[in-house]
Amino acid sequence: MERRSCCSLLMLCLLSAVGLSVFGFTRMQNQLTTNLKADLEVSELKEKKSELDIKNLDIELQNMQMQLEISLTEVKGLQDEVKLLTSDQENMAKEAKLCQDLVVTLNDEITVIVKDKSDNEGNFNAVKLKWTEQINGLKKQLEERSPLCAFVKNSNATGLCIQATTKSK
């Protein structure tokens, strides 16, 4: 019996060792499965986060594209406005040049007119001086007694010299 008990004991030890090995192997498999599940969950969470990040980046890209389009539209509008203002500036510069040329022309005309006026005033003063001398000479002759009036007075034709005699008295 000893053999049998030894064999039984050996078998029991062997079965215990196999049982413990199976239990250890099962436990290790469960631990690996748990670790793999945890790694899979982490990977899935990372994948979902990456998908959300990609969606957010797509949304940001769309927003930036819309802002770029708006900015390009504004830039085009400002370029058109600059073209209009440049055209207006060129037109105003032409008008200013025309006005400056007109001012030069008018100044030249004014210079000629002022010279003519000065010449006319000089001529007028010279003629006025001559006429004043003639008028003064004629007034002097009127105030003096003419020999004809003296002859007529002596000859009783006093009616003809009434004005001269009344003025001289």
N, C-alpha and C. Protein backbone atom coordinates (compact mmCIF):
# COMPACT_ATOMS: atom_id res chain seq x y z
N MET A 1 0.75 -1.13 0.00
CA MET A 1 0.00 0.00 0.00
C MET A 1 0.84 1.26 0.00
N GLU A 2 1.83 1.08 0.41
CA GLU A 2 2.72 2.17 0.43
C GLU A 2 3.01 2.66 -0.98
N ARG A 3 3.05 1.76 -1.78
CA ARG A 3 3.26 2.15 -3.14
C ARG A 3 2.06 2.87 -3.68
N ARG A 4 1.01 2.38 -3.27
CA ARG A 4 -0.21 2.99 -3.73
C ARG A 4 -0.37 4.35 -3.10
N SER A 5 -0.04 4.48 -1.85
CA SER A 5 -0.19 5.75 -1.22
C SER A 5 0.85 6.71 -1.77
N CYS A 6 1.99 6.16 -2.08
CA CYS A 6 3.02 7.01 -2.67
C CYS A 6 2.58 7.47 -4.04
N CYS A 7 2.03 6.54 -4.78
CA CYS A 7 1.57 6.91 -6.12
C CYS A 7 0.41 7.88 -5.99
N SER A 8 -0.43 7.63 -5.02
CA SER A 8 -1.57 8.51 -4.84
C SER A 8 -1.10 9.89 -4.41
N LEU A 9 -0.10 9.86 -3.54
CA LEU A 9 0.41 11.13 -3.08
C LEU A 9 1.10 11.85 -4.24
N LEU A 10 1.84 11.11 -5.00
CA LEU A 10 2.51 11.68 -6.15
C LEU A 10 1.47 12.19 -7.15
N MET A 11 0.47 11.46 -7.33
CA MET A 11 -0.60 11.87 -8.24
C MET A 11 -1.31 13.09 -7.70
N LEU A 12 -1.51 13.08 -6.41
CA LEU A 12 -2.17 14.20 -5.79
C LEU A 12 -1.29 15.44 -5.91
N CYS A 13 0.02 15.24 -5.69
CA CYS A 13 0.94 16.38 -5.83
C CYS A 13 0.97 16.84 -7.28
N LEU A 14 0.99 15.86 -8.17
CA LEU A 14 1.02 16.20 -9.59
C LEU A 14 -0.27 16.91 -9.99
N LEU A 15 -1.38 16.41 -9.49
CA LEU A 15 -2.67 17.06 -9.80
C LEU A 15 -2.72 18.45 -9.16
N SER A 16 -2.18 18.57 -7.98
CA SER A 16 -2.16 19.89 -7.33
C SER A 16 -1.28 20.84 -8.12
N ALA A 17 -0.12 20.30 -8.58
CA ALA A 17 0.78 21.14 -9.36
C ALA A 17 0.13 21.54 -10.67
N VAL A 18 -0.55 20.59 -11.33
CA VAL A 18 -1.23 20.89 -12.59
C VAL A 18 -2.37 21.87 -12.31
N GLY A 19 -3.09 21.65 -11.21
CA GLY A 19 -4.19 22.55 -10.86
C GLY A 19 -3.69 23.95 -10.58
N LEU A 20 -2.58 23.98 -9.80
CA LEU A 20 -2.00 25.29 -9.52
C LEU A 20 -1.48 25.93 -10.80
N SER A 21 -0.90 25.14 -11.67
CA SER A 21 -0.41 25.67 -12.94
C SER A 21 -1.55 26.18 -13.79
N VAL A 22 -2.63 25.41 -13.85
CA VAL A 22 -3.81 25.83 -14.63
C VAL A 22 -4.38 27.09 -14.00
N PHE A 23 -4.46 27.09 -12.63
CA PHE A 23 -4.98 28.28 -11.96
C PHE A 23 -4.08 29.48 -12.24
N GLY A 24 -2.77 29.29 -12.14
CA GLY A 24 -1.82 30.37 -12.41
C GLY A 24 -1.90 30.84 -13.86
N PHE A 25 -1.98 29.83 -14.75
CA PHE A 25 -2.10 30.18 -16.17
C PHE A 25 -3.39 30.95 -16.43
N THR A 26 -4.50 30.49 -15.84
CA THR A 26 -5.79 31.14 -16.00
C THR A 26 -5.73 32.55 -15.42
N ARG A 27 -5.14 32.63 -14.26
CA ARG A 27 -5.02 33.95 -13.62
C ARG A 27 -4.18 34.88 -14.49
N MET A 28 -3.08 34.35 -15.03
CA MET A 28 -2.23 35.14 -15.90
C MET A 28 -2.98 35.55 -17.17
N GLN A 29 -3.77 34.61 -17.70
CA GLN A 29 -4.56 34.92 -18.89
C GLN A 29 -5.61 35.99 -18.57
N ASN A 30 -6.22 35.89 -17.40
CA ASN A 30 -7.21 36.91 -16.98
C ASN A 30 -6.53 38.28 -16.83
N GLN A 31 -5.34 38.27 -16.22
CA GLN A 31 -4.60 39.51 -16.04
C GLN A 31 -4.23 40.10 -17.41
N LEU A 32 -3.76 39.25 -18.32
CA LEU A 32 -3.42 39.72 -19.68
C LEU A 32 -4.66 40.23 -20.40
N THR A 33 -5.77 39.54 -20.24
CA THR A 33 -7.01 39.97 -20.86
C THR A 33 -7.44 41.31 -20.29
N THR A 34 -7.33 41.47 -18.96
CA THR A 34 -7.69 42.74 -18.33
C THR A 34 -6.76 43.85 -18.83
N ASN A 35 -5.46 43.54 -18.90
CA ASN A 35 -4.51 44.53 -19.41
C ASN A 35 -4.81 44.88 -20.86
N LEU A 36 -5.12 43.85 -21.67
CA LEU A 36 -5.44 44.10 -23.08
C LEU A 36 -6.72 44.92 -23.21
N LYS A 37 -7.72 44.62 -22.36
CA LYS A 37 -8.97 45.40 -22.38
C LYS A 37 -8.68 46.86 -22.01
N ALA A 38 -7.85 47.02 -20.96
CA ALA A 38 -7.51 48.39 -20.53
C ALA A 38 -6.75 49.11 -21.65
N ASP A 39 -5.78 48.42 -22.27
CA ASP A 39 -5.03 49.02 -23.39
C ASP A 39 -5.96 49.33 -24.55
N LEU A 40 -6.92 48.40 -24.81
CA LEU A 40 -7.88 48.62 -25.90
C LEU A 40 -8.76 49.83 -25.59
N GLU A 41 -9.21 49.98 -24.34
CA GLU A 41 -10.03 51.14 -23.96
C GLU A 41 -9.22 52.44 -24.11
N VAL A 42 -7.95 52.37 -23.66
CA VAL A 42 -7.09 53.56 -23.79
C VAL A 42 -6.90 53.89 -25.28
N SER A 43 -6.68 52.87 -26.09
CA SER A 43 -6.51 53.09 -27.54
C SER A 43 -7.78 53.65 -28.15
N GLU A 44 -8.93 53.10 -27.73
CA GLU A 44 -10.21 53.61 -28.25
C GLU A 44 -10.42 55.06 -27.83
N LEU A 45 -10.09 55.37 -26.55
CA LEU A 45 -10.22 56.76 -26.09
C LEU A 45 -9.28 57.68 -26.86
N LYS A 46 -8.04 57.21 -27.10
CA LYS A 46 -7.10 58.01 -27.89
C LYS A 46 -7.62 58.20 -29.31
N GLU A 47 -8.20 57.15 -29.87
CA GLU A 47 -8.75 57.24 -31.22
C GLU A 47 -9.91 58.24 -31.26
N LYS A 48 -10.83 58.16 -30.25
CA LYS A 48 -11.94 59.10 -30.20
C LYS A 48 -11.43 60.53 -30.02
N LYS A 49 -10.40 60.69 -29.15
CA LYS A 49 -9.82 62.02 -28.95
C LYS A 49 -9.20 62.52 -30.25
N SER A 50 -8.50 61.62 -30.96
CA SER A 50 -7.89 62.01 -32.24
C SER A 50 -8.97 62.39 -33.25
N GLU A 51 -10.06 61.64 -33.28
CA GLU A 51 -11.16 61.96 -34.18
C GLU A 51 -11.77 63.32 -33.83
N LEU A 52 -11.96 63.57 -32.52
CA LEU A 52 -12.49 64.88 -32.09
C LEU A 52 -11.51 66.00 -32.45
N ASP A 53 -10.22 65.75 -32.25
CA ASP A 53 -9.21 66.75 -32.61
C ASP A 53 -9.24 67.03 -34.11
N ILE A 54 -9.39 65.96 -34.90
CA ILE A 54 -9.47 66.14 -36.36
C ILE A 54 -10.72 66.93 -36.73
N LYS A 55 -11.85 66.62 -36.08
CA LYS A 55 -13.09 67.37 -36.35
C LYS A 55 -12.91 68.84 -35.96
N ASN A 56 -12.29 69.07 -34.79
CA ASN A 56 -12.05 70.45 -34.35
C ASN A 56 -11.13 71.18 -35.31
N LEU A 57 -10.11 70.48 -35.77
CA LEU A 57 -9.20 71.10 -36.75
C LEU A 57 -9.92 71.39 -38.06
N ASP A 58 -10.81 70.47 -38.48
CA ASP A 58 -11.61 70.72 -39.69
C ASP A 58 -12.49 71.95 -39.52
N ILE A 59 -13.11 72.07 -38.33
CA ILE A 59 -13.97 73.23 -38.05
C ILE A 59 -13.12 74.51 -38.05
N GLU A 60 -11.95 74.46 -37.41
CA GLU A 60 -11.07 75.63 -37.40
C GLU A 60 -10.62 75.98 -38.81
N LEU A 61 -10.32 74.94 -39.61
CA LEU A 61 -9.92 75.16 -40.99
C LEU A 61 -11.04 75.84 -41.78
N GLN A 62 -12.27 75.37 -41.59
CA GLN A 62 -13.41 75.98 -42.27
C GLN A 62 -13.59 77.43 -41.82
N ASN A 63 -13.46 77.69 -40.52
CA ASN A 63 -13.57 79.06 -40.01
C ASN A 63 -12.49 79.95 -40.60
N MET A 64 -11.27 79.43 -40.64
CA MET A 64 -10.17 80.22 -41.20
C MET A 64 -10.39 80.49 -42.69
N GLN A 65 -10.92 79.48 -43.40
CA GLN A 65 -11.21 79.67 -44.83
C GLN A 65 -12.29 80.73 -45.01
N MET A 66 -13.31 80.71 -44.14
CA MET A 66 -14.36 81.73 -44.23
C MET A 66 -13.78 83.11 -43.92
N GLN A 67 -12.93 83.19 -42.88
CA GLN A 67 -12.30 84.47 -42.55
C GLN A 67 -11.40 84.94 -43.69
N LEU A 68 -10.69 84.00 -44.31
CA LEU A 68 -9.84 84.34 -45.45
C LEU A 68 -10.67 84.88 -46.61
N GLU A 69 -11.80 84.23 -46.89
CA GLU A 69 -12.68 84.71 -47.96
C GLU A 69 -13.22 86.10 -47.64
N ILE A 70 -13.62 86.30 -46.38
CA ILE A 70 -14.12 87.62 -45.97
C ILE A 70 -13.01 88.66 -46.12
N SER A 71 -11.81 88.30 -45.67
CA SER A 71 -10.68 89.23 -45.77
C SER A 71 -10.34 89.54 -47.22
N LEU A 72 -10.38 88.51 -48.06
CA LEU A 72 -10.10 88.72 -49.49
C LEU A 72 -11.15 89.63 -50.12
N THR A 73 -12.41 89.44 -49.72
CA THR A 73 -13.48 90.31 -50.22
C THR A 73 -13.25 91.75 -49.78
N GLU A 74 -12.87 91.92 -48.50
CA GLU A 74 -12.60 93.27 -47.99
C GLU A 74 -11.40 93.88 -48.70
N VAL A 75 -10.36 93.07 -48.93
CA VAL A 75 -9.17 93.57 -49.63
C VAL A 75 -9.54 93.99 -51.04
N LYS A 76 -10.36 93.20 -51.73
CA LYS A 76 -10.77 93.55 -53.09
C LYS A 76 -11.56 94.85 -53.07
N GLY A 77 -12.47 94.99 -52.09
CA GLY A 77 -13.22 96.24 -51.97
C GLY A 77 -12.31 97.42 -51.72
N LEU A 78 -11.32 97.24 -50.85
CA LEU A 78 -10.38 98.32 -50.56
C LEU A 78 -9.51 98.63 -51.78
N GLN A 79 -9.14 97.61 -52.54
CA GLN A 79 -8.36 97.85 -53.76
C GLN A 79 -9.19 98.65 -54.77
N ASP A 80 -10.47 98.30 -54.89
CA ASP A 80 -11.35 99.06 -55.80
C ASP A 80 -11.46 100.51 -55.33
N GLU A 81 -11.59 100.69 -54.02
CA GLU A 81 -11.69 102.05 -53.47
C GLU A 81 -10.39 102.83 -53.71
N VAL A 82 -9.25 102.15 -53.56
CA VAL A 82 -7.96 102.80 -53.82
C VAL A 82 -7.87 103.20 -55.29
N LYS A 83 -8.36 102.34 -56.19
CA LYS A 83 -8.35 102.68 -57.62
C LYS A 83 -9.19 103.93 -57.87
N LEU A 84 -10.38 103.98 -57.25
CA LEU A 84 -11.24 105.15 -57.43
C LEU A 84 -10.57 106.40 -56.87
N LEU A 85 -9.99 106.27 -55.69
CA LEU A 85 -9.33 107.43 -55.07
C LEU A 85 -8.13 107.86 -55.89
N THR A 86 -7.40 106.91 -56.45
CA THR A 86 -6.25 107.25 -57.30
C THR A 86 -6.73 107.98 -58.54
N SER A 87 -7.82 107.50 -59.12
CA SER A 87 -8.38 108.16 -60.30
C SER A 87 -8.84 109.57 -59.94
N ASP A 88 -9.52 109.70 -58.79
CA ASP A 88 -9.95 111.03 -58.34
C ASP A 88 -8.75 111.95 -58.11
N GLN A 89 -7.71 111.40 -57.51
CA GLN A 89 -6.51 112.19 -57.24
C GLN A 89 -5.88 112.66 -58.55
N GLU A 90 -5.83 111.77 -59.55
CA GLU A 90 -5.26 112.15 -60.84
C GLU A 90 -6.10 113.26 -61.48
N ASN A 91 -7.43 113.11 -61.40
CA ASN A 91 -8.31 114.14 -61.97
C ASN A 91 -8.13 115.47 -61.25
N MET A 92 -8.03 115.41 -59.92
CA MET A 92 -7.85 116.64 -59.15
C MET A 92 -6.49 117.27 -59.45
N ALA A 93 -5.48 116.43 -59.67
CA ALA A 93 -4.16 116.96 -60.01
C ALA A 93 -4.21 117.67 -61.37
N LYS A 94 -4.95 117.08 -62.31
CA LYS A 94 -5.11 117.72 -63.62
C LYS A 94 -5.84 119.06 -63.48
N GLU A 95 -6.92 119.03 -62.68
CA GLU A 95 -7.67 120.27 -62.46
C GLU A 95 -6.81 121.32 -61.77
N ALA A 96 -6.00 120.91 -60.80
CA ALA A 96 -5.11 121.84 -60.10
C ALA A 96 -4.10 122.43 -61.08
N LYS A 97 -3.57 121.60 -61.97
CA LYS A 97 -2.62 122.08 -62.98
C LYS A 97 -3.30 123.09 -63.90
N LEU A 98 -4.54 122.76 -64.31
CA LEU A 98 -5.28 123.70 -65.16
C LEU A 98 -5.50 125.03 -64.43
N CYS A 99 -5.87 124.95 -63.15
CA CYS A 99 -6.08 126.17 -62.37
C CYS A 99 -4.79 126.97 -62.23
N GLN A 100 -3.68 126.29 -62.00
CA GLN A 100 -2.40 126.98 -61.88
C GLN A 100 -2.04 127.66 -63.20
N ASP A 101 -2.27 126.95 -64.31
CA ASP A 101 -2.00 127.55 -65.62
C ASP A 101 -2.90 128.76 -65.85
N LEU A 102 -4.18 128.64 -65.43
CA LEU A 102 -5.12 129.74 -65.57
C LEU A 102 -4.67 130.93 -64.72
N VAL A 103 -4.19 130.65 -63.51
CA VAL A 103 -3.71 131.73 -62.63
C VAL A 103 -2.53 132.44 -63.29
N VAL A 104 -1.62 131.67 -63.87
CA VAL A 104 -0.47 132.28 -64.55
C VAL A 104 -0.95 133.15 -65.70
N THR A 105 -1.89 132.63 -66.50
CA THR A 105 -2.43 133.39 -67.62
C THR A 105 -3.12 134.67 -67.13
N LEU A 106 -3.94 134.53 -66.08
CA LEU A 106 -4.65 135.70 -65.55
C LEU A 106 -3.66 136.72 -64.97
N ASN A 107 -2.61 136.24 -64.31
CA ASN A 107 -1.61 137.15 -63.79
C ASN A 107 -0.92 137.91 -64.92
N ASP A 108 -0.64 137.20 -66.01
CA ASP A 108 -0.05 137.86 -67.17
C ASP A 108 -1.01 138.93 -67.72
N GLU A 109 -2.30 138.56 -67.82
CA GLU A 109 -3.29 139.52 -68.32
C GLU A 109 -3.41 140.71 -67.37
N ILE A 110 -3.38 140.44 -66.05
CA ILE A 110 -3.47 141.53 -65.07
C ILE A 110 -2.27 142.45 -65.20
N THR A 111 -1.10 141.86 -65.41
CA THR A 111 0.11 142.67 -65.58
C THR A 111 -0.04 143.59 -66.78
N VAL A 112 -0.54 143.05 -67.89
CA VAL A 112 -0.75 143.86 -69.10
C VAL A 112 -1.77 144.96 -68.82
N ILE A 113 -2.86 144.61 -68.13
CA ILE A 113 -3.91 145.59 -67.84
C ILE A 113 -3.37 146.67 -66.91
N VAL A 114 -2.60 146.29 -65.88
CA VAL A 114 -2.03 147.27 -64.96
C VAL A 114 -1.09 148.20 -65.72
N LYS A 115 -0.29 147.66 -66.64
CA LYS A 115 0.63 148.49 -67.43
C LYS A 115 -0.17 149.45 -68.31
N ASP A 116 -1.23 148.91 -68.97
CA ASP A 116 -2.08 149.78 -69.80
C ASP A 116 -2.72 150.87 -68.95
N LYS A 117 -3.18 150.49 -67.74
CA LYS A 117 -3.80 151.48 -66.85
C LYS A 117 -2.79 152.56 -66.49
N SER A 118 -1.60 152.12 -66.15
CA SER A 118 -0.55 153.07 -65.77
C SER A 118 -0.23 153.99 -66.95
N ASP A 119 -0.12 153.39 -68.15
CA ASP A 119 0.14 154.21 -69.34
C ASP A 119 -1.02 155.16 -69.59
N ASN A 120 -2.25 154.68 -69.48
CA ASN A 120 -3.43 155.51 -69.70
C ASN A 120 -3.50 156.64 -68.67
N GLU A 121 -3.18 156.32 -67.40
CA GLU A 121 -3.20 157.35 -66.37
C GLU A 121 -2.14 158.42 -66.67
N GLY A 122 -0.97 157.94 -67.12
CA GLY A 122 0.08 158.90 -67.47
C GLY A 122 -0.35 159.77 -68.65
N ASN A 123 -0.92 159.15 -69.68
CA ASN A 123 -1.41 159.92 -70.83
C ASN A 123 -2.53 160.85 -70.41
N PHE A 124 -3.45 160.32 -69.56
CA PHE A 124 -4.57 161.15 -69.11
C PHE A 124 -4.05 162.36 -68.34
N ASN A 125 -3.10 162.14 -67.44
CA ASN A 125 -2.57 163.25 -66.65
C ASN A 125 -1.87 164.27 -67.56
N ALA A 126 -1.16 163.77 -68.56
CA ALA A 126 -0.49 164.70 -69.50
C ALA A 126 -1.53 165.50 -70.27
N VAL A 127 -2.56 164.82 -70.78
CA VAL A 127 -3.62 165.53 -71.53
C VAL A 127 -4.37 166.46 -70.59
N LYS A 128 -4.64 166.00 -69.36
CA LYS A 128 -5.35 166.83 -68.38
C LYS A 128 -4.54 168.09 -68.08
N LEU A 129 -3.24 167.91 -67.93
CA LEU A 129 -2.36 169.06 -67.68
C LEU A 129 -2.42 170.06 -68.84
N LYS A 130 -2.38 169.56 -70.08
CA LYS A 130 -2.46 170.45 -71.26
C LYS A 130 -3.80 171.17 -71.26
N TRP A 131 -4.89 170.40 -71.02
CA TRP A 131 -6.21 171.02 -71.06
C TRP A 131 -6.36 172.03 -69.93
N THR A 132 -5.82 171.68 -68.76
CA THR A 132 -5.90 172.62 -67.64
C THR A 132 -5.16 173.90 -67.99
N GLU A 133 -4.02 173.78 -68.62
CA GLU A 133 -3.27 174.97 -69.06
C GLU A 133 -4.07 175.77 -70.08
N GLN A 134 -4.71 175.06 -71.02
CA GLN A 134 -5.52 175.76 -72.02
C GLN A 134 -6.72 176.43 -71.36
N ILE A 135 -7.38 175.70 -70.42
CA ILE A 135 -8.54 176.29 -69.74
C ILE A 135 -8.11 177.52 -68.95
N ASN A 136 -7.00 177.39 -68.23
CA ASN A 136 -6.51 178.54 -67.45
C ASN A 136 -6.15 179.71 -68.38
N GLY A 137 -5.54 179.40 -69.53
CA GLY A 137 -5.23 180.45 -70.50
C GLY A 137 -6.48 181.11 -71.02
N LEU A 138 -7.51 180.30 -71.31
CA LEU A 138 -8.77 180.86 -71.81
C LEU A 138 -9.47 181.67 -70.73
N LYS A 139 -9.43 181.16 -69.47
CA LYS A 139 -10.02 181.94 -68.38
C LYS A 139 -9.30 183.28 -68.23
N LYS A 140 -8.00 183.27 -68.37
CA LYS A 140 -7.22 184.50 -68.27
C LYS A 140 -7.58 185.46 -69.39
N GLN A 141 -7.77 184.89 -70.58
CA GLN A 141 -8.15 185.74 -71.72
C GLN A 141 -9.53 186.33 -71.48
N LEU A 142 -10.43 185.54 -70.89
CA LEU A 142 -11.76 186.06 -70.63
C LEU A 142 -11.72 187.17 -69.59
N GLU A 143 -10.88 187.02 -68.62
CA GLU A 143 -10.82 188.02 -67.57
C GLU A 143 -10.14 189.32 -68.06
N GLU A 144 -9.24 189.17 -68.97
CA GLU A 144 -8.59 190.39 -69.51
C GLU A 144 -9.52 191.05 -70.50
N ARG A 145 -9.35 192.34 -70.62
CA ARG A 145 -10.17 193.08 -71.55
C ARG A 145 -9.61 192.95 -72.94
N SER A 146 -10.45 192.53 -73.80
CA SER A 146 -9.96 192.39 -75.17
C SER A 146 -9.96 193.72 -75.88
N PRO A 147 -9.04 193.93 -76.81
CA PRO A 147 -9.01 195.20 -77.57
C PRO A 147 -10.27 195.40 -78.38
N LEU A 148 -10.88 194.33 -78.82
CA LEU A 148 -12.11 194.47 -79.61
C LEU A 148 -13.22 195.07 -78.76
N CYS A 149 -13.33 194.57 -77.51
CA CYS A 149 -14.36 195.10 -76.61
C CYS A 149 -14.09 196.57 -76.30
N ALA A 150 -12.85 196.92 -76.13
CA ALA A 150 -12.52 198.33 -75.87
C ALA A 150 -12.92 199.18 -77.06
N PHE A 151 -12.73 198.74 -78.25
CA PHE A 151 -13.11 199.48 -79.45
C PHE A 151 -14.62 199.59 -79.52
N VAL A 152 -15.29 198.45 -79.24
CA VAL A 152 -16.74 198.46 -79.34
C VAL A 152 -17.30 199.36 -78.25
N LYS A 153 -16.75 199.42 -77.09
CA LYS A 153 -17.25 200.26 -76.03
C LYS A 153 -17.14 201.74 -76.41
N ASN A 154 -16.11 202.05 -77.02
CA ASN A 154 -15.91 203.41 -77.43
C ASN A 154 -16.85 203.78 -78.58
N SER A 155 -17.31 202.85 -79.32
CA SER A 155 -18.14 203.15 -80.47
C SER A 155 -19.62 202.98 -80.17
N ASN A 156 -20.02 202.95 -79.01
CA ASN A 156 -21.41 202.82 -78.61
C ASN A 156 -22.06 201.50 -79.05
N ALA A 157 -21.36 200.49 -79.16
CA ALA A 157 -21.93 199.15 -79.43
C ALA A 157 -21.76 198.32 -78.17
N THR A 158 -22.24 198.84 -77.11
CA THR A 158 -22.05 198.22 -75.80
C THR A 158 -22.90 196.97 -75.63
N GLY A 159 -23.87 196.74 -76.39
CA GLY A 159 -24.73 195.55 -76.28
C GLY A 159 -23.99 194.28 -76.59
N LEU A 160 -22.98 194.38 -77.37
CA LEU A 160 -22.24 193.18 -77.75
C LEU A 160 -21.26 192.73 -76.64
N CYS A 161 -20.86 193.57 -75.79
CA CYS A 161 -19.83 193.26 -74.78
C CYS A 161 -20.42 193.25 -73.38
N ILE A 162 -21.72 193.07 -73.26
CA ILE A 162 -22.33 193.12 -71.93
C ILE A 162 -21.77 192.02 -71.04
N GLN A 163 -21.65 190.88 -71.54
CA GLN A 163 -21.18 189.75 -70.71
C GLN A 163 -19.77 190.00 -70.27
N ALA A 164 -18.96 190.47 -71.15
CA ALA A 164 -17.55 190.65 -70.79
C ALA A 164 -17.42 191.78 -69.77
N THR A 165 -18.23 192.84 -69.93
CA THR A 165 -18.12 193.97 -69.00
C THR A 165 -18.69 193.60 -67.65
N THR A 166 -19.77 192.80 -67.64
CA THR A 166 -20.34 192.45 -66.34
C THR A 166 -19.44 191.48 -65.60
N LYS A 167 -18.73 190.68 -66.32
CA LYS A 167 -17.81 189.74 -65.69
C LYS A 167 -16.61 190.47 -65.15
N SER A 168 -16.14 191.48 -65.89
CA SER A 168 -14.94 192.18 -65.48
C SER A 168 -15.22 193.12 -64.30
N LYS A 169 -16.44 193.55 -64.09
CA LYS A 169 -16.77 194.46 -62.99
C LYS A 169 -16.82 193.70 -61.77
